[in-house]
Amino acid sequence: MALQKWLATGSISHRFGLPDPKIQRSAVVVGETKTANEEVECVIKRTVEKKRGKYQSYTPEVRAKIGRFAALNGNKKAVDKFSSELGITVNESTVRHFKLLYQDAVKATDVVTELQHGNRGRPPLLGSQIDRSVQQYMQKVRQAGGILNRSIAIAAATGIIKYHDPSQLSVNGGPIELGRKWAESIMNRMGLVKRKATKAARKLPENFDVLKDEFHERIVTAVRDGNIPESLVLNWDQTGVKLVPVSQWTMAAEGSKQVLHVEHIYFSIQWSPTNKTPSREATHCVRLHFLCTSG
């Protein structure tokens, strides 16, 4: 109806999405509706007209240059200089911020060439230092081929907190309680996703065919030069019999093609068939080994 009236008269009594004063039941409600509509329309108009300014992005090197120049020559000169050089409007508040960052940085080192962006979002539950130590420990676990999951992450963090300040743990009356959500959070920040371990044997070198041909050629040469009978040409193979079942799932970087982990000690049954029926010169061989291998 409002659109139809606008097409007919060129004006409407109220804005779309606001109540129509004319259909209210009492004069008081009509007056309240009109006054409320006017105030709401003013807010909507200011919101529509107000445009957010364009955010400027500065590289760490530029941030350091602006901060150093402002510390030596003042904020006003830095605004004029870098607004001209960069071709953008550099706000004085931005210069003042870089100046403070630069002055803090030179206290730790004499030469400051970069001012890195600060971390955004909520601070880590464990604090930056301990959170970084936990991530480094978890990366070392993966490098060693170990399993990573929520339980391992919680256990690692618990151990590191115990080393620094065990009173921070909730079991000791502290504020830190590590649970599933925290473990998922730190692994997400590390870019880890749930993956099933892959077998290293599936990863073939680029020159696999060349290496295979060279290997076969060495066998043929050895058999020919040594006059070795076919019954003594053995083909060894082995299979693993695990003593303790372990998980094939771990946490690894998203998109990684090879996911390795170290399995527990297990039996390796090694056997060797021959090309011909075994004679006195050759018999089937079975060997048992204790091995600790990457699965």
Protein backbone atom coordinates (compact mmCIF):
# COMPACT_ATOMS: atom_id res chain seq x y z
CA MET A 1 0.00 0.00 0.00
CA ALA A 2 2.84 2.41 0.81
CA LEU A 3 4.46 1.81 -2.59
CA GLN A 4 1.10 2.28 -4.32
CA LYS A 5 0.58 5.62 -2.52
CA TRP A 6 4.09 6.78 -3.41
CA LEU A 7 3.45 6.02 -7.08
CA ALA A 8 0.18 7.98 -6.92
CA THR A 9 1.18 11.01 -4.81
CA GLY A 10 4.97 11.01 -4.72
CA SER A 11 5.13 10.78 -0.91
CA ILE A 12 4.50 8.29 1.86
CA SER A 13 3.54 8.84 5.48
CA HIS A 14 6.15 6.55 6.97
CA ARG A 15 9.28 4.64 6.09
CA PHE A 16 9.18 1.01 5.01
CA GLY A 17 9.82 -1.27 7.97
CA LEU A 18 8.32 1.15 10.53
CA PRO A 19 4.79 1.03 11.93
CA ASP A 20 2.14 3.18 10.21
CA PRO A 21 0.77 5.83 12.63
CA LYS A 22 -2.55 6.04 10.77
CA ILE A 23 -3.61 2.51 11.65
CA GLN A 24 -3.02 2.87 15.37
CA ARG A 25 -6.09 2.62 17.60
CA SER A 26 -5.67 5.65 19.88
CA ALA A 27 -4.43 9.21 19.52
CA VAL A 28 -1.75 8.59 22.13
CA VAL A 29 -0.36 5.60 20.25
CA VAL A 30 -0.50 7.57 16.99
CA GLY A 31 1.57 10.39 18.54
CA GLU A 32 4.01 7.94 20.10
CA THR A 33 4.44 6.13 16.79
CA LYS A 34 5.06 9.35 14.84
CA THR A 35 7.64 10.63 17.30
CA ALA A 36 9.38 7.26 17.55
CA ASN A 37 9.43 6.93 13.75
CA GLU A 38 11.07 10.35 13.41
CA GLU A 39 13.85 9.45 15.83
CA VAL A 40 14.42 6.06 14.23
CA GLU A 41 14.55 7.62 10.75
CA CYS A 42 17.20 10.07 11.96
CA VAL A 43 19.33 7.19 13.22
CA ILE A 44 18.85 5.25 9.97
CA LYS A 45 19.77 8.32 7.92
CA ARG A 46 22.97 8.93 9.91
CA THR A 47 23.91 5.25 9.59
CA VAL A 48 23.39 5.24 5.83
CA GLU A 49 25.23 8.52 5.27
CA LYS A 50 28.17 7.59 7.50
CA LYS A 51 30.76 5.65 5.52
CA ARG A 52 33.57 3.79 7.15
CA GLY A 53 36.95 5.10 6.13
CA LYS A 54 39.28 2.95 4.11
CA TYR A 55 41.79 1.10 6.25
CA GLN A 56 45.41 1.49 5.20
CA SER A 57 47.85 -1.40 5.45
CA TYR A 58 51.51 -0.72 6.17
CA THR A 59 54.33 -3.20 5.78
CA PRO A 60 56.56 -3.88 8.82
CA GLU A 61 59.39 -1.96 7.10
CA VAL A 62 57.24 1.13 6.47
CA ARG A 63 55.90 1.01 10.02
CA ALA A 64 59.48 1.10 11.33
CA LYS A 65 60.45 3.99 9.03
CA ILE A 66 57.45 6.07 10.09
CA GLY A 67 58.07 5.34 13.77
CA ARG A 68 61.78 6.21 13.56
CA PHE A 69 61.17 9.44 11.62
CA ALA A 70 58.45 10.54 14.05
CA ALA A 71 60.69 9.81 17.04
CA LEU A 72 63.44 12.00 15.56
CA ASN A 73 61.42 14.77 13.89
CA GLY A 74 57.96 14.79 15.44
CA ASN A 75 54.54 13.51 14.45
CA LYS A 76 53.50 16.46 12.24
CA LYS A 77 56.55 16.24 9.99
CA ALA A 78 56.13 12.46 9.74
CA VAL A 79 52.49 12.91 8.65
CA ASP A 80 53.46 15.37 5.91
CA LYS A 81 56.47 13.35 4.71
CA PHE A 82 54.86 9.92 4.46
CA SER A 83 51.49 11.19 3.19
CA SER A 84 53.44 12.68 0.28
CA GLU A 85 55.70 9.68 -0.27
CA LEU A 86 53.00 7.00 0.00
CA GLY A 87 50.32 8.96 -1.82
CA ILE A 88 47.77 8.38 0.93
CA THR A 89 46.53 10.24 3.99
CA VAL A 90 48.55 9.07 6.97
CA ASN A 91 46.68 9.96 10.15
CA GLU A 92 48.53 11.49 13.07
CA SER A 93 47.10 8.81 15.36
CA THR A 94 48.73 6.17 13.14
CA VAL A 95 52.08 7.98 13.30
CA ARG A 96 51.80 8.31 17.06
CA HIS A 97 51.12 4.58 17.39
CA PHE A 98 54.12 3.63 15.23
CA LYS A 99 56.29 6.07 17.17
CA LEU A 100 55.42 4.39 20.49
CA LEU A 101 56.05 0.95 19.01
CA TYR A 102 59.42 2.09 17.67
CA GLN A 103 60.47 3.60 20.99
CA ASP A 104 59.61 0.36 22.79
CA ALA A 105 61.48 -1.70 20.19
CA VAL A 106 64.73 0.31 20.37
CA LYS A 107 64.92 -0.43 24.07
CA ALA A 108 65.55 -4.10 23.22
CA THR A 109 67.78 -3.60 20.16
CA ASP A 110 69.75 -0.71 18.71
CA VAL A 111 68.63 -1.23 15.10
CA VAL A 112 64.92 -1.59 14.32
CA THR A 113 64.11 -2.26 10.66
CA GLU A 114 60.66 -3.83 11.09
CA LEU A 115 57.62 -3.35 13.31
CA GLN A 116 55.48 -6.46 13.09
CA HIS A 117 51.70 -6.36 13.40
CA GLY A 118 50.37 -7.38 16.77
CA ASN A 119 48.26 -10.49 17.33
CA ARG A 120 44.54 -9.98 16.88
CA GLY A 121 41.73 -11.56 18.81
CA ARG A 122 41.64 -12.76 22.39
CA PRO A 123 44.96 -13.46 24.11
CA PRO A 124 45.87 -17.15 24.60
CA LEU A 125 44.52 -18.80 27.73
CA LEU A 126 48.03 -19.86 28.79
CA GLY A 127 49.70 -16.56 27.98
CA SER A 128 51.84 -15.92 24.91
CA GLN A 129 55.07 -17.48 26.24
CA ILE A 130 53.62 -20.77 27.52
CA ASP A 131 51.28 -21.06 24.52
CA ARG A 132 54.28 -20.70 22.22
CA SER A 133 56.20 -23.34 24.23
CA VAL A 134 53.27 -25.77 23.94
CA GLN A 135 53.08 -25.26 20.17
CA GLN A 136 56.83 -25.81 19.82
CA TYR A 137 56.60 -29.01 21.87
CA MET A 138 53.71 -30.29 19.74
CA GLN A 139 55.66 -29.53 16.56
CA LYS A 140 58.58 -31.54 17.94
CA VAL A 141 56.23 -34.45 18.65
CA ARG A 142 55.13 -34.43 15.00
CA GLN A 143 58.74 -34.16 13.79
CA ALA A 144 59.60 -37.20 15.90
CA GLY A 145 56.72 -39.11 14.27
CA GLY A 146 54.50 -39.13 17.37
CA ILE A 147 50.71 -39.02 17.53
CA LEU A 148 48.95 -35.69 18.12
CA ASN A 149 45.39 -35.46 19.38
CA ARG A 150 43.39 -33.54 21.98
CA SER A 151 44.60 -35.69 24.88
CA ILE A 152 48.24 -35.27 23.87
CA ALA A 153 47.82 -31.50 23.53
CA ILE A 154 46.23 -31.23 26.99
CA ALA A 155 48.91 -33.44 28.55
CA ALA A 156 51.70 -31.41 26.92
CA ALA A 157 50.25 -28.12 28.12
CA THR A 158 49.70 -29.53 31.62
CA GLY A 159 53.33 -30.61 31.84
CA ILE A 160 54.69 -27.25 30.67
CA ILE A 161 52.42 -25.35 33.07
CA LYS A 162 53.57 -27.62 35.91
CA TYR A 163 57.16 -26.72 35.08
CA HIS A 164 56.53 -22.95 35.18
CA ASP A 165 53.76 -22.53 37.75
CA PRO A 166 51.61 -25.53 38.75
CA SER A 167 49.41 -23.31 40.92
CA GLN A 168 47.81 -21.97 37.72
CA LEU A 169 46.08 -25.31 37.02
CA SER A 170 42.48 -25.70 38.13
CA VAL A 171 43.31 -28.94 40.01
CA ASN A 172 45.55 -26.82 42.23
CA GLY A 173 42.99 -24.05 42.65
CA GLY A 174 44.20 -21.96 39.71
CA PRO A 175 42.23 -20.35 36.85
CA ILE A 176 43.45 -22.55 33.99
CA GLU A 177 41.26 -25.52 33.06
CA LEU A 178 42.30 -27.34 29.91
CA GLY A 179 39.56 -29.14 28.02
CA ARG A 180 38.42 -30.27 24.61
CA LYS A 181 37.62 -26.77 23.35
CA TRP A 182 41.06 -25.46 24.29
CA ALA A 183 42.81 -28.41 22.61
CA GLU A 184 40.81 -27.89 19.40
CA SER A 185 41.61 -24.17 19.52
CA ILE A 186 45.39 -24.55 19.73
CA MET A 187 45.44 -27.20 17.01
CA ASN A 188 43.31 -24.99 14.75
CA ARG A 189 45.72 -22.10 15.32
CA MET A 190 48.58 -24.43 14.38
CA GLY A 191 46.77 -25.39 11.17
CA LEU A 192 46.39 -29.05 12.21
CA VAL A 193 43.53 -31.28 11.07
CA LYS A 194 42.68 -34.90 11.79
CA ARG A 195 44.49 -37.19 9.36
CA LYS A 196 45.12 -40.92 9.08
CA ALA A 197 48.75 -41.95 9.00
CA THR A 198 50.08 -42.99 5.60
CA LYS A 199 52.66 -45.62 4.81
CA ALA A 200 56.12 -44.37 3.93
CA ALA A 201 56.40 -47.11 1.27
CA ARG A 202 53.71 -45.40 -0.79
CA LYS A 203 55.95 -42.41 -1.33
CA LEU A 204 58.11 -43.35 -4.33
CA PRO A 205 61.12 -41.36 -5.50
CA GLU A 206 60.85 -39.56 -8.82
CA ASN A 207 63.49 -41.84 -10.40
CA PHE A 208 61.88 -45.04 -9.11
CA ASP A 209 61.82 -46.76 -12.52
CA VAL A 210 65.52 -46.04 -13.07
CA LEU A 211 66.44 -47.36 -9.61
CA LYS A 212 64.33 -50.49 -10.18
CA ASP A 213 66.05 -51.25 -13.50
CA GLU A 214 69.49 -50.72 -11.95
CA PHE A 215 68.60 -53.06 -9.08
CA HIS A 216 67.41 -55.80 -11.44
CA GLU A 217 70.53 -55.39 -13.55
CA ARG A 218 72.77 -55.88 -10.49
CA ILE A 219 70.90 -59.08 -9.60
CA VAL A 220 71.25 -60.48 -13.14
CA THR A 221 74.97 -59.61 -13.18
CA ALA A 222 75.57 -61.20 -9.77
CA VAL A 223 73.73 -64.41 -10.69
CA ARG A 224 75.57 -64.70 -14.02
CA ASP A 225 79.05 -63.86 -12.72
CA GLY A 226 78.68 -66.04 -9.63
CA ASN A 227 77.06 -68.93 -11.46
CA ILE A 228 74.29 -68.97 -8.84
CA PRO A 229 71.56 -71.62 -9.39
CA GLU A 230 67.94 -70.48 -9.49
CA SER A 231 67.17 -72.43 -6.33
CA LEU A 232 69.47 -70.05 -4.43
CA VAL A 233 67.89 -66.86 -5.78
CA LEU A 234 65.79 -65.80 -2.80
CA ASN A 235 63.07 -63.17 -2.64
CA TRP A 236 62.83 -61.82 0.89
CA ASP A 237 59.70 -60.22 2.29
CA GLN A 238 58.41 -59.36 5.74
CA THR A 239 55.23 -58.42 7.55
CA GLY A 240 54.68 -56.85 10.93
CA VAL A 241 52.82 -58.35 13.88
CA LYS A 242 52.11 -55.61 16.41
CA LEU A 243 52.49 -56.30 20.12
CA VAL A 244 50.37 -53.31 21.17
CA PRO A 245 47.57 -51.88 18.99
CA VAL A 246 48.07 -48.19 18.27
CA SER A 247 45.99 -45.50 16.57
CA GLN A 248 46.49 -44.71 12.91
CA TRP A 249 45.00 -41.25 13.43
CA THR A 250 46.95 -38.13 14.39
CA MET A 251 46.92 -34.38 13.81
CA ALA A 252 48.89 -33.04 10.85
CA ALA A 253 49.10 -29.86 8.78
CA GLU A 254 46.09 -29.43 6.51
CA GLY A 255 46.90 -30.47 2.95
CA SER A 256 49.95 -32.57 3.87
CA LYS A 257 50.33 -35.64 1.61
CA GLN A 258 52.59 -37.72 3.87
CA VAL A 259 51.58 -38.35 7.50
CA LEU A 260 54.13 -40.46 9.39
CA HIS A 261 54.15 -41.65 12.98
CA VAL A 262 56.23 -44.10 15.02
CA GLU A 263 54.48 -47.33 15.97
CA HIS A 264 55.16 -49.45 19.02
CA ILE A 265 57.65 -52.34 18.98
CA TYR A 266 56.30 -55.34 17.08
CA PHE A 267 57.34 -58.70 15.61
CA SER A 268 58.61 -58.64 12.04
CA ILE A 269 58.15 -62.01 10.34
CA GLN A 270 60.63 -62.32 7.49
CA TRP A 271 60.34 -65.16 4.99
CA SER A 272 61.98 -66.13 1.74
CA PRO A 273 60.47 -68.29 -1.06
CA THR A 274 62.61 -69.57 -3.94
CA ASN A 275 61.86 -69.84 -7.65
CA LYS A 276 62.22 -73.64 -7.51
CA THR A 277 61.37 -76.43 -5.10
CA PRO A 278 63.85 -76.21 -2.17
CA SER A 279 66.68 -78.72 -2.30
CA ARG A 280 69.60 -79.47 -0.07
CA GLU A 281 71.20 -76.23 -1.32
CA ALA A 282 68.29 -74.00 -0.21
CA THR A 283 65.46 -74.17 2.27
CA HIS A 284 62.65 -71.82 3.20
CA CYS A 285 63.80 -69.36 5.86
CA VAL A 286 61.69 -67.71 8.54
CA ARG A 287 63.18 -65.13 10.88
CA LEU A 288 61.71 -63.18 13.79
CA HIS A 289 62.97 -59.69 14.61
CA PHE A 290 62.09 -57.05 17.18
CA LEU A 291 61.86 -53.81 15.24
CA CYS A 292 60.73 -50.26 15.97
CA THR A 293 59.79 -48.77 12.63
CA SER A 294 57.80 -45.92 11.12
CA GLY A 295 54.43 -47.24 10.07
